[in-house]
Amino acid sequence: LPLDRFKQYISPIFFTTALWNAMKNMTQAMRTHHHPNLERPFFRENDVINILSYIKTAGVIKEEYTRVYITPGNPNSGQALLLKKGCMQCHTSTGQKEHGKIELRASDLRGSLTQIAGAIWNHGQKMWAMVTKLGFPIPDLTVEEMSDIVAYLYFLQHVDEPGDPRRGKQLFQEHEKGCGKCHPIRGVGGDKEIAPDLATEKDLDTSIDIIRAMWNHGTEMEEKMEEKGVTWPKMEKGEIIDLMEFIRSQRAE
């Protein structure tokens, strides 16, 4: 397959997509009698971008060509695609350890597009073994689909690690941050006359929802705390995440 064509593509996403779609056939070809001594390569941090840079420099396209661009991917579409294509049968993106599943926030999936492409190639043989065991094929991807999936992987690089609901429960108690002095949880504790039940209140299902509610009601919360003689708590690193995880865990029951 001529590689010169990649000279016209501005984004490495075209090369990444081609690498994905041809990966299994390439590996099988290396094992045939045509290439008996050729080992499947392992890509290190900058190997893929260096190879692509060489292809773009050395590549020759005889006819006149136009440089090809692509719009950035949509992380929401990427998340939906991973579910639709069956990828989440073997992967997780929750940050929680799930038996037998590979975390998409893993360190080797953090970095540039070409670094992610190298990591995908390196895990190729494991992926084929797993999907063969599960009985479904590895799907081909369009450039647009790969762009959306990579956008989602980029998004995961900037998502906070999940909190600890057990630590969040401790922080919620009166003797820690004091949240439980005002807020009940499923009717237990707190004072429902002055503060909502955080397990049943509407529109508190995500971290963004909780932070928005804290911001919008900050002044009112401060006034109520002064009335009850509660000191405004100071949050240390990671504590707000643990608290939100505890609140979400109570809402899920």
Protein backbone atom coordinates (compact mmCIF):
# COMPACT_ATOMS: atom_id res chain seq x y z
CA LEU A 1 0.00 0.00 0.00
CA PRO A 2 1.62 3.30 -1.09
CA LEU A 3 2.24 5.61 1.85
CA ASP A 4 2.80 8.72 -0.29
CA ARG A 5 -0.88 9.63 0.01
CA PHE A 6 -0.40 10.63 3.65
CA LYS A 7 1.67 13.60 2.46
CA GLN A 8 -1.55 15.48 1.66
CA TYR A 9 -3.20 14.96 5.05
CA ILE A 10 -2.60 17.68 7.63
CA SER A 11 -3.85 15.79 10.68
CA PRO A 12 -2.22 12.55 11.90
CA ILE A 13 -5.77 11.23 12.42
CA PHE A 14 -5.75 9.91 8.82
CA PHE A 15 -2.62 7.85 9.48
CA THR A 16 -3.97 6.69 12.85
CA THR A 17 -7.21 5.49 11.22
CA ALA A 18 -5.34 3.66 8.45
CA LEU A 19 -3.05 2.04 11.04
CA TRP A 20 -6.08 0.83 13.01
CA ASN A 21 -7.94 -0.58 10.00
CA ALA A 22 -4.86 -2.35 8.58
CA MET A 23 -3.37 -3.43 11.92
CA LYS A 24 -4.61 -7.02 12.01
CA ASN A 25 -3.79 -7.76 8.35
CA MET A 26 -0.34 -6.20 8.75
CA THR A 27 0.45 -8.36 11.77
CA GLN A 28 -0.79 -11.51 10.03
CA ALA A 29 1.31 -10.67 6.96
CA MET A 30 4.40 -10.38 9.16
CA ARG A 31 3.79 -13.94 10.35
CA THR A 32 3.43 -15.47 6.87
CA HIS A 33 6.18 -17.02 4.76
CA HIS A 34 6.69 -13.66 3.06
CA HIS A 35 8.18 -12.16 6.23
CA PRO A 36 9.25 -15.11 8.41
CA ASN A 37 11.82 -13.16 10.46
CA LEU A 38 9.98 -9.85 10.77
CA GLU A 39 8.89 -9.18 14.34
CA ARG A 40 5.87 -7.03 15.10
CA PRO A 41 7.31 -3.65 16.18
CA PHE A 42 6.68 -1.99 19.54
CA PHE A 43 6.18 1.77 19.24
CA ARG A 44 7.76 4.01 21.85
CA GLU A 45 6.74 7.56 22.71
CA ASN A 46 7.66 9.46 19.51
CA ASP A 47 8.09 6.59 17.06
CA VAL A 48 4.80 7.07 15.21
CA ILE A 49 5.19 10.83 14.70
CA ASN A 50 8.78 10.30 13.52
CA ILE A 51 7.65 7.67 11.00
CA LEU A 52 4.84 9.92 9.79
CA SER A 53 7.23 12.89 9.49
CA TYR A 54 9.51 10.77 7.31
CA ILE A 55 6.60 9.65 5.11
CA LYS A 56 5.48 13.26 4.61
CA THR A 57 9.02 14.37 3.78
CA ALA A 58 9.94 11.51 1.47
CA GLY A 59 6.51 10.94 -0.03
CA VAL A 60 5.89 11.87 -3.66
CA ILE A 61 2.51 12.63 -5.21
CA LYS A 62 2.96 13.09 -8.96
CA GLU A 63 -0.34 14.75 -9.69
CA GLU A 64 -1.40 18.08 -8.21
CA TYR A 65 -3.07 17.62 -4.85
CA THR A 66 -4.97 19.63 -2.27
CA ARG A 67 -4.10 19.46 1.41
CA VAL A 68 -6.83 17.68 3.35
CA TYR A 69 -8.05 18.87 6.74
CA ILE A 70 -10.63 17.52 9.18
CA THR A 71 -12.75 19.23 11.80
CA PRO A 72 -12.04 18.34 15.46
CA GLY A 73 -13.88 15.33 16.84
CA ASN A 74 -16.78 15.36 19.28
CA PRO A 75 -16.05 13.59 22.61
CA ASN A 76 -19.74 12.88 23.20
CA SER A 77 -19.95 11.13 19.83
CA GLY A 78 -16.73 9.29 20.64
CA GLN A 79 -18.16 7.95 23.89
CA ALA A 80 -21.32 6.81 22.09
CA LEU A 81 -19.23 5.11 19.37
CA LEU A 82 -17.20 3.14 21.92
CA LEU A 83 -20.45 1.76 23.31
CA LYS A 84 -21.96 1.09 19.88
CA LYS A 85 -18.85 -0.66 18.54
CA GLY A 86 -18.65 -2.94 21.59
CA CYS A 87 -15.37 -1.48 22.89
CA MET A 88 -16.75 -1.02 26.40
CA GLN A 89 -17.15 -4.77 26.79
CA CYS A 90 -13.39 -4.84 27.36
CA HIS A 91 -12.72 -1.25 28.44
CA THR A 92 -13.86 1.06 31.21
CA SER A 93 -13.51 4.84 31.61
CA THR A 94 -14.82 5.23 35.17
CA GLY A 95 -11.44 5.27 36.88
CA GLN A 96 -12.66 2.38 39.04
CA LYS A 97 -10.92 -0.98 38.76
CA GLU A 98 -13.19 -3.44 36.98
CA HIS A 99 -12.10 -7.07 36.74
CA GLY A 100 -10.68 -7.93 33.34
CA LYS A 101 -11.27 -4.47 31.84
CA ILE A 102 -8.64 -2.04 30.56
CA GLU A 103 -8.94 1.55 31.78
CA LEU A 104 -9.11 4.14 28.97
CA ARG A 105 -7.52 6.68 31.31
CA ALA A 106 -4.37 4.53 31.44
CA SER A 107 -1.07 6.40 31.33
CA ASP A 108 -0.10 5.07 27.88
CA LEU A 109 -3.31 6.54 26.43
CA ARG A 110 -2.36 10.00 27.65
CA GLY A 111 -0.45 12.26 25.31
CA SER A 112 -0.54 13.30 21.68
CA LEU A 113 -2.60 11.71 18.93
CA THR A 114 0.37 9.78 17.55
CA GLN A 115 1.33 8.57 21.04
CA ILE A 116 -2.21 7.25 21.44
CA ALA A 117 -1.91 5.59 18.00
CA GLY A 118 1.29 3.87 19.13
CA ALA A 119 -0.37 2.65 22.34
CA ILE A 120 -3.31 1.23 20.35
CA TRP A 121 -0.90 -0.62 18.05
CA ASN A 122 1.05 -2.00 21.01
CA HIS A 123 -2.14 -3.42 22.54
CA GLY A 124 -3.36 -4.81 19.20
CA GLN A 125 -2.59 -8.48 19.79
CA LYS A 126 -4.21 -8.46 23.23
CA MET A 127 -7.31 -6.84 21.75
CA TRP A 128 -7.64 -9.47 19.02
CA ALA A 129 -7.27 -12.29 21.53
CA MET A 130 -9.97 -10.78 23.73
CA VAL A 131 -12.51 -10.04 20.99
CA THR A 132 -11.97 -13.50 19.50
CA LYS A 133 -12.74 -14.95 22.91
CA LEU A 134 -15.88 -12.79 23.16
CA GLY A 135 -16.91 -13.67 19.61
CA PHE A 136 -17.19 -10.31 17.87
CA PRO A 137 -14.98 -8.65 15.22
CA ILE A 138 -12.80 -5.59 15.68
CA PRO A 139 -14.68 -2.86 13.77
CA ASP A 140 -13.23 -0.77 10.98
CA LEU A 141 -13.41 2.97 11.65
CA THR A 142 -13.86 5.99 9.42
CA VAL A 143 -11.59 9.01 9.88
CA GLU A 144 -14.51 10.91 11.42
CA GLU A 145 -15.20 8.09 13.87
CA MET A 146 -11.55 7.85 14.90
CA SER A 147 -11.49 11.63 15.36
CA ASP A 148 -14.49 11.45 17.72
CA ILE A 149 -12.99 8.55 19.71
CA VAL A 150 -9.64 10.33 20.10
CA ALA A 151 -11.49 13.48 21.20
CA TYR A 152 -13.12 11.39 23.93
CA LEU A 153 -9.74 9.95 24.98
CA TYR A 154 -8.38 13.51 25.16
CA PHE A 155 -11.38 14.48 27.30
CA LEU A 156 -10.63 11.64 29.72
CA GLN A 157 -7.11 13.00 30.21
CA HIS A 158 -8.60 16.08 31.87
CA VAL A 159 -11.24 14.42 34.04
CA ASP A 160 -10.53 14.22 37.74
CA GLU A 161 -9.83 10.83 39.24
CA PRO A 162 -12.94 9.39 40.91
CA GLY A 163 -13.44 10.17 44.57
CA ASP A 164 -13.72 7.80 47.52
CA PRO A 165 -17.35 7.65 48.75
CA ARG A 166 -16.26 6.19 52.10
CA ARG A 167 -13.96 9.14 52.74
CA GLY A 168 -16.71 11.43 51.41
CA LYS A 169 -19.12 10.02 54.00
CA GLN A 170 -16.65 10.82 56.77
CA LEU A 171 -16.22 14.37 55.46
CA PHE A 172 -20.00 14.82 55.29
CA GLN A 173 -20.44 14.09 58.99
CA GLU A 174 -20.92 16.88 61.53
CA HIS A 175 -17.48 16.45 63.14
CA GLU A 176 -15.68 16.90 59.79
CA LYS A 177 -16.93 19.47 57.24
CA GLY A 178 -20.33 19.80 58.88
CA CYS A 179 -22.47 19.18 55.77
CA GLY A 180 -24.63 16.76 57.77
CA LYS A 181 -25.60 19.44 60.28
CA CYS A 182 -27.92 20.96 57.69
CA HIS A 183 -28.36 18.44 54.86
CA PRO A 184 -30.29 15.20 55.45
CA ILE A 185 -29.53 12.05 53.46
CA ARG A 186 -32.72 10.13 52.65
CA GLY A 187 -34.47 11.76 55.59
CA VAL A 188 -31.74 10.97 58.10
CA GLY A 189 -29.92 13.75 59.98
CA GLY A 190 -29.68 17.40 59.06
CA ASP A 191 -32.53 19.88 59.09
CA LYS A 192 -34.88 19.59 56.12
CA GLU A 193 -36.43 22.94 57.03
CA ILE A 194 -33.30 24.81 56.01
CA ALA A 195 -31.43 22.53 53.60
CA PRO A 196 -32.46 20.01 50.91
CA ASP A 197 -31.97 16.26 51.13
CA LEU A 198 -28.97 15.69 48.85
CA ALA A 199 -30.00 12.11 48.07
CA THR A 200 -33.39 13.07 46.65
CA GLU A 201 -33.09 16.71 45.53
CA LYS A 202 -33.59 17.18 41.77
CA ASP A 203 -30.76 17.98 39.34
CA LEU A 204 -27.81 16.84 41.45
CA ASP A 205 -26.80 13.80 39.41
CA THR A 206 -23.39 14.91 38.12
CA SER A 207 -20.37 16.68 39.57
CA ILE A 208 -21.18 19.74 37.47
CA ASP A 209 -24.75 19.77 38.85
CA ILE A 210 -23.46 19.68 42.43
CA ILE A 211 -20.86 22.41 41.87
CA ARG A 212 -23.44 24.60 40.12
CA ALA A 213 -25.85 24.21 43.04
CA MET A 214 -23.11 25.08 45.54
CA TRP A 215 -22.24 28.20 43.56
CA ASN A 216 -25.82 29.36 43.07
CA HIS A 217 -26.75 28.83 46.72
CA GLY A 218 -23.44 29.88 48.26
CA THR A 219 -24.70 33.10 49.84
CA GLU A 220 -27.81 31.43 51.23
CA MET A 221 -25.72 28.56 52.61
CA GLU A 222 -23.38 30.99 54.34
CA GLU A 223 -26.30 32.79 56.02
CA LYS A 224 -27.81 29.54 57.29
CA MET A 225 -24.44 28.37 58.58
CA GLU A 226 -24.00 31.60 60.53
CA GLU A 227 -27.44 31.10 62.10
CA LYS A 228 -26.46 27.60 63.23
CA GLY A 229 -22.96 28.60 64.31
CA VAL A 230 -21.29 26.43 61.70
CA THR A 231 -17.89 27.54 60.39
CA TRP A 232 -17.53 27.69 56.61
CA PRO A 233 -15.42 24.61 55.81
CA LYS A 234 -12.11 24.71 54.01
CA MET A 235 -11.68 21.99 51.42
CA GLU A 236 -8.29 20.36 50.98
CA LYS A 237 -7.15 18.77 47.71
CA GLY A 238 -9.37 15.83 46.73
CA GLU A 239 -11.96 16.37 49.47
CA ILE A 240 -14.63 17.96 47.28
CA ILE A 241 -14.31 15.03 44.85
CA ASP A 242 -14.78 12.54 47.70
CA LEU A 243 -17.83 14.45 48.94
CA MET A 244 -19.42 14.50 45.50
CA GLU A 245 -18.76 10.78 45.08
CA PHE A 246 -20.52 10.11 48.39
CA ILE A 247 -23.52 12.22 47.36
CA ARG A 248 -23.76 10.43 44.01
CA SER A 249 -23.53 7.05 45.71
CA GLN A 250 -26.49 7.93 47.93
CA ARG A 251 -28.54 9.10 44.96
CA ALA A 252 -27.90 5.80 43.18
CA GLU A 253 -29.43 3.70 45.96
